[in-house]
C-alpha atoms as a PDB file:
ATOM      1  CA  UNK A   1      19.950  91.857 104.215  1.00  0.00           C
ATOM      2  CA  UNK A   2      20.861  91.533 107.872  1.00  0.00           C
ATOM      3  CA  UNK A   3      17.441  92.854 108.883  1.00  0.00           C
ATOM      4  CA  UNK A   4      15.716  90.208 106.743  1.00  0.00           C
ATOM      5  CA  UNK A   5      17.881  87.359 108.034  1.00  0.00           C
ATOM      6  CA  UNK A   6      17.394  88.427 111.651  1.00  0.00           C
ATOM      7  CA  UNK A   7      13.634  88.794 111.231  1.00  0.00           C
ATOM      8  CA  UNK A   8      13.336  85.337 109.667  1.00  0.00           C
ATOM      9  CA  UNK A   9      15.890  83.890 112.097  1.00  0.00           C
ATOM     10  CA  UNK A  10      17.816  82.175 109.310  1.00  0.00           C
ATOM     11  CA  UNK A  11      21.493  82.207 108.332  1.00  0.00           C
ATOM     12  CA  UNK A  12      22.779  83.546 105.034  1.00  0.00           C
ATOM     13  CA  UNK A  13      23.214  80.765 102.485  1.00  0.00           C
ATOM     14  CA  UNK A  14      26.081  81.694 100.160  1.00  0.00           C
ATOM     15  CA  UNK A  15      25.661  78.446  98.211  1.00  0.00           C
ATOM     16  CA  UNK A  16      22.035  79.174  97.217  1.00  0.00           C
ATOM     17  CA  UNK A  17      23.096  81.243  94.221  1.00  0.00           C
ATOM     18  CA  UNK A  18      25.434  78.602  92.812  1.00  0.00           C
ATOM     19  CA  UNK A  19      22.858  77.164  90.393  1.00  0.00           C
ATOM     20  CA  UNK A  20      20.482  80.134  90.296  1.00  0.00           C
ATOM     21  CA  UNK A  21      20.148  81.847  86.909  1.00  0.00           C
ATOM     22  CA  UNK A  22      16.953  83.849  87.479  1.00  0.00           C
ATOM     23  CA  UNK A  23      18.785  86.649  89.271  1.00  0.00           C
ATOM     24  CA  UNK A  24      22.079  86.469  87.387  1.00  0.00           C
ATOM     25  CA  UNK A  25      20.422  87.178  84.064  1.00  0.00           C
ATOM     26  CA  UNK A  26      18.977  90.429  85.440  1.00  0.00           C
ATOM     27  CA  UNK A  27      22.213  91.754  86.947  1.00  0.00           C
ATOM     28  CA  UNK A  28      23.619  93.378  83.763  1.00  0.00           C
ATOM     29  CA  UNK A  29      20.402  95.364  83.341  1.00  0.00           C
ATOM     30  CA  UNK A  30      20.352  96.445  86.973  1.00  0.00           C
ATOM     31  CA  UNK A  31      24.019  97.462  86.762  1.00  0.00           C
ATOM     32  CA  UNK A  32      23.334  99.476  83.616  1.00  0.00           C
ATOM     33  CA  UNK A  33      20.188 101.312  84.750  1.00  0.00           C
ATOM     34  CA  UNK A  34      20.865 101.454  88.501  1.00  0.00           C
ATOM     35  CA  UNK A  35      24.670 101.415  88.865  1.00  0.00           C
ATOM     36  CA  UNK A  36      24.563 102.401  92.551  1.00  0.00           C
ATOM     37  CA  UNK A  37      22.009  99.721  93.456  1.00  0.00           C
ATOM     38  CA  UNK A  38      22.618  97.337  96.309  1.00  0.00           C
ATOM     39  CA  UNK A  39      21.107  93.940  95.611  1.00  0.00           C
ATOM     40  CA  UNK A  40      19.712  91.467  98.107  1.00  0.00           C
ATOM     41  CA  UNK A  41      18.954  88.252  96.231  1.00  0.00           C
ATOM     42  CA  UNK A  42      16.227  86.090  97.702  1.00  0.00           C
ATOM     43  CA  UNK A  43      15.813  82.619  96.235  1.00  0.00           C
ATOM     44  CA  UNK A  44      12.791  80.505  97.080  1.00  0.00           C
ATOM     45  CA  UNK A  45      12.894  76.805  96.320  1.00  0.00           C
ATOM     46  CA  UNK A  46       9.387  75.833  95.256  1.00  0.00           C
ATOM     47  CA  UNK A  47       9.857  72.208  96.328  1.00  0.00           C
ATOM     48  CA  UNK A  48      10.942  73.083  99.868  1.00  0.00           C
ATOM     49  CA  UNK A  49       9.053  76.300 100.519  1.00  0.00           C
ATOM     50  CA  UNK A  50       7.842  77.153 103.993  1.00  0.00           C
ATOM     51  CA  UNK A  51       4.538  79.025 103.688  1.00  0.00           C
ATOM     52  CA  UNK A  52       4.671  80.596 107.156  1.00  0.00           C
ATOM     53  CA  UNK A  53       8.185  81.860 106.442  1.00  0.00           C
ATOM     54  CA  UNK A  54       6.968  83.318 103.136  1.00  0.00           C
ATOM     55  CA  UNK A  55       4.358  85.308 105.074  1.00  0.00           C
ATOM     56  CA  UNK A  56       7.110  86.522 107.405  1.00  0.00           C
ATOM     57  CA  UNK A  57       9.253  87.436 104.390  1.00  0.00           C
ATOM     58  CA  UNK A  58       6.357  89.431 102.911  1.00  0.00           C
ATOM     59  CA  UNK A  59       5.931  91.207 106.253  1.00  0.00           C
ATOM     60  CA  UNK A  60       9.572  92.255 106.582  1.00  0.00           C
ATOM     61  CA  UNK A  61       9.786  93.293 102.926  1.00  0.00           C
ATOM     62  CA  UNK A  62       6.677  95.432 103.390  1.00  0.00           C
ATOM     63  CA  UNK A  63       8.229  97.066 106.461  1.00  0.00           C
ATOM     64  CA  UNK A  64      11.475  97.821 104.631  1.00  0.00           C
ATOM     65  CA  UNK A  65       9.818  99.122 101.468  1.00  0.00           C
ATOM     66  CA  UNK A  66       7.279 101.276 103.290  1.00  0.00           C
ATOM     67  CA  UNK A  67      10.003 102.908 105.419  1.00  0.00           C
ATOM     68  CA  UNK A  68      12.463 103.666 102.610  1.00  0.00           C
ATOM     69  CA  UNK A  69      11.202 105.180  99.327  1.00  0.00           C
ATOM     70  CA  UNK A  70      14.507 104.390  97.597  1.00  0.00           C
ATOM     71  CA  UNK A  71      13.966 100.640  97.917  1.00  0.00           C
ATOM     72  CA  UNK A  72      12.297  98.789  95.099  1.00  0.00           C
ATOM     73  CA  UNK A  73      11.426  95.155  94.722  1.00  0.00           C
ATOM     74  CA  UNK A  74      12.173  93.336  91.480  1.00  0.00           C
ATOM     75  CA  UNK A  75      10.641  89.886  91.227  1.00  0.00           C
ATOM     76  CA  UNK A  76      11.762  87.304  88.707  1.00  0.00           C
ATOM     77  CA  UNK A  77       9.153  84.570  88.574  1.00  0.00           C
ATOM     78  CA  UNK A  78       9.060  81.520  86.354  1.00  0.00           C
ATOM     79  CA  UNK A  79       5.415  80.450  86.153  1.00  0.00           C
ATOM     80  CA  UNK A  80       6.072  77.669  83.675  1.00  0.00           C
ATOM     81  CA  UNK A  81       9.532  76.240  84.128  1.00  0.00           C
ATOM     82  CA  UNK A  82       9.830  73.068  82.020  1.00  0.00           C
ATOM     83  CA  UNK A  83       6.130  73.200  81.059  1.00  0.00           C
ATOM     84  CA  UNK A  84       4.829  72.588  77.569  1.00  0.00           C
ATOM     85  CA  UNK A  85       3.284  75.207  75.292  1.00  0.00           C
ATOM     86  CA  UNK A  86      -0.354  74.519  76.290  1.00  0.00           C
ATOM     87  CA  UNK A  87       0.348  74.516  80.013  1.00  0.00           C
ATOM     88  CA  UNK A  88       2.443  77.694  79.714  1.00  0.00           C
ATOM     89  CA  UNK A  89      -0.352  79.462  77.806  1.00  0.00           C
ATOM     90  CA  UNK A  90      -2.934  78.379  80.392  1.00  0.00           C
ATOM     91  CA  UNK A  91      -0.760  79.565  83.299  1.00  0.00           C
ATOM     92  CA  UNK A  92       0.018  82.878  81.585  1.00  0.00           C
ATOM     93  CA  UNK A  93      -3.687  83.455  80.957  1.00  0.00           C
ATOM     94  CA  UNK A  94      -4.570  82.648  84.569  1.00  0.00           C
ATOM     95  CA  UNK A  95      -1.867  84.944  85.952  1.00  0.00           C
ATOM     96  CA  UNK A  96      -2.898  87.815  83.697  1.00  0.00           C
ATOM     97  CA  UNK A  97      -6.513  87.425  84.820  1.00  0.00           C
ATOM     98  CA  UNK A  98      -5.748  87.186  88.523  1.00  0.00           C
ATOM     99  CA  UNK A  99      -2.336  87.960  90.006  1.00  0.00           C
ATOM    100  CA  UNK A 100      -1.403  90.668  87.519  1.00  0.00           C
ATOM    101  CA  UNK A 101      -4.919  92.052  87.057  1.00  0.00           C
ATOM    102  CA  UNK A 102      -4.420  94.919  89.495  1.00  0.00           C
ATOM    103  CA  UNK A 103      -0.882  95.764  88.452  1.00  0.00           C
ATOM    104  CA  UNK A 104       0.472  99.196  87.566  1.00  0.00           C
ATOM    105  CA  UNK A 105       0.857  98.083  83.964  1.00  0.00           C
ATOM    106  CA  UNK A 106      -2.819  98.279  83.012  1.00  0.00           C
END
């Protein structure tokens, strides 16, 4: 985590997880299947995101992952938070056709 914070030149925000449920719901599964795992939660606020910092984050994550084969990245993404059924279906269809098209799951 220190390497990420230093690279992005940002302080750790211990309050960011206070209302975050996207990571907390995954923790029991991670603890069960990877009991020795060390977790670095990264929360991105979609309303206040900084695109240039997201590129920097991608860069440092790539560096870390490519240098250490024991590191894996688990992403919890909510494409349709508070959206209706039609909008959720449309977003799911679009993501399956584009972002997830070249995934390892095909």
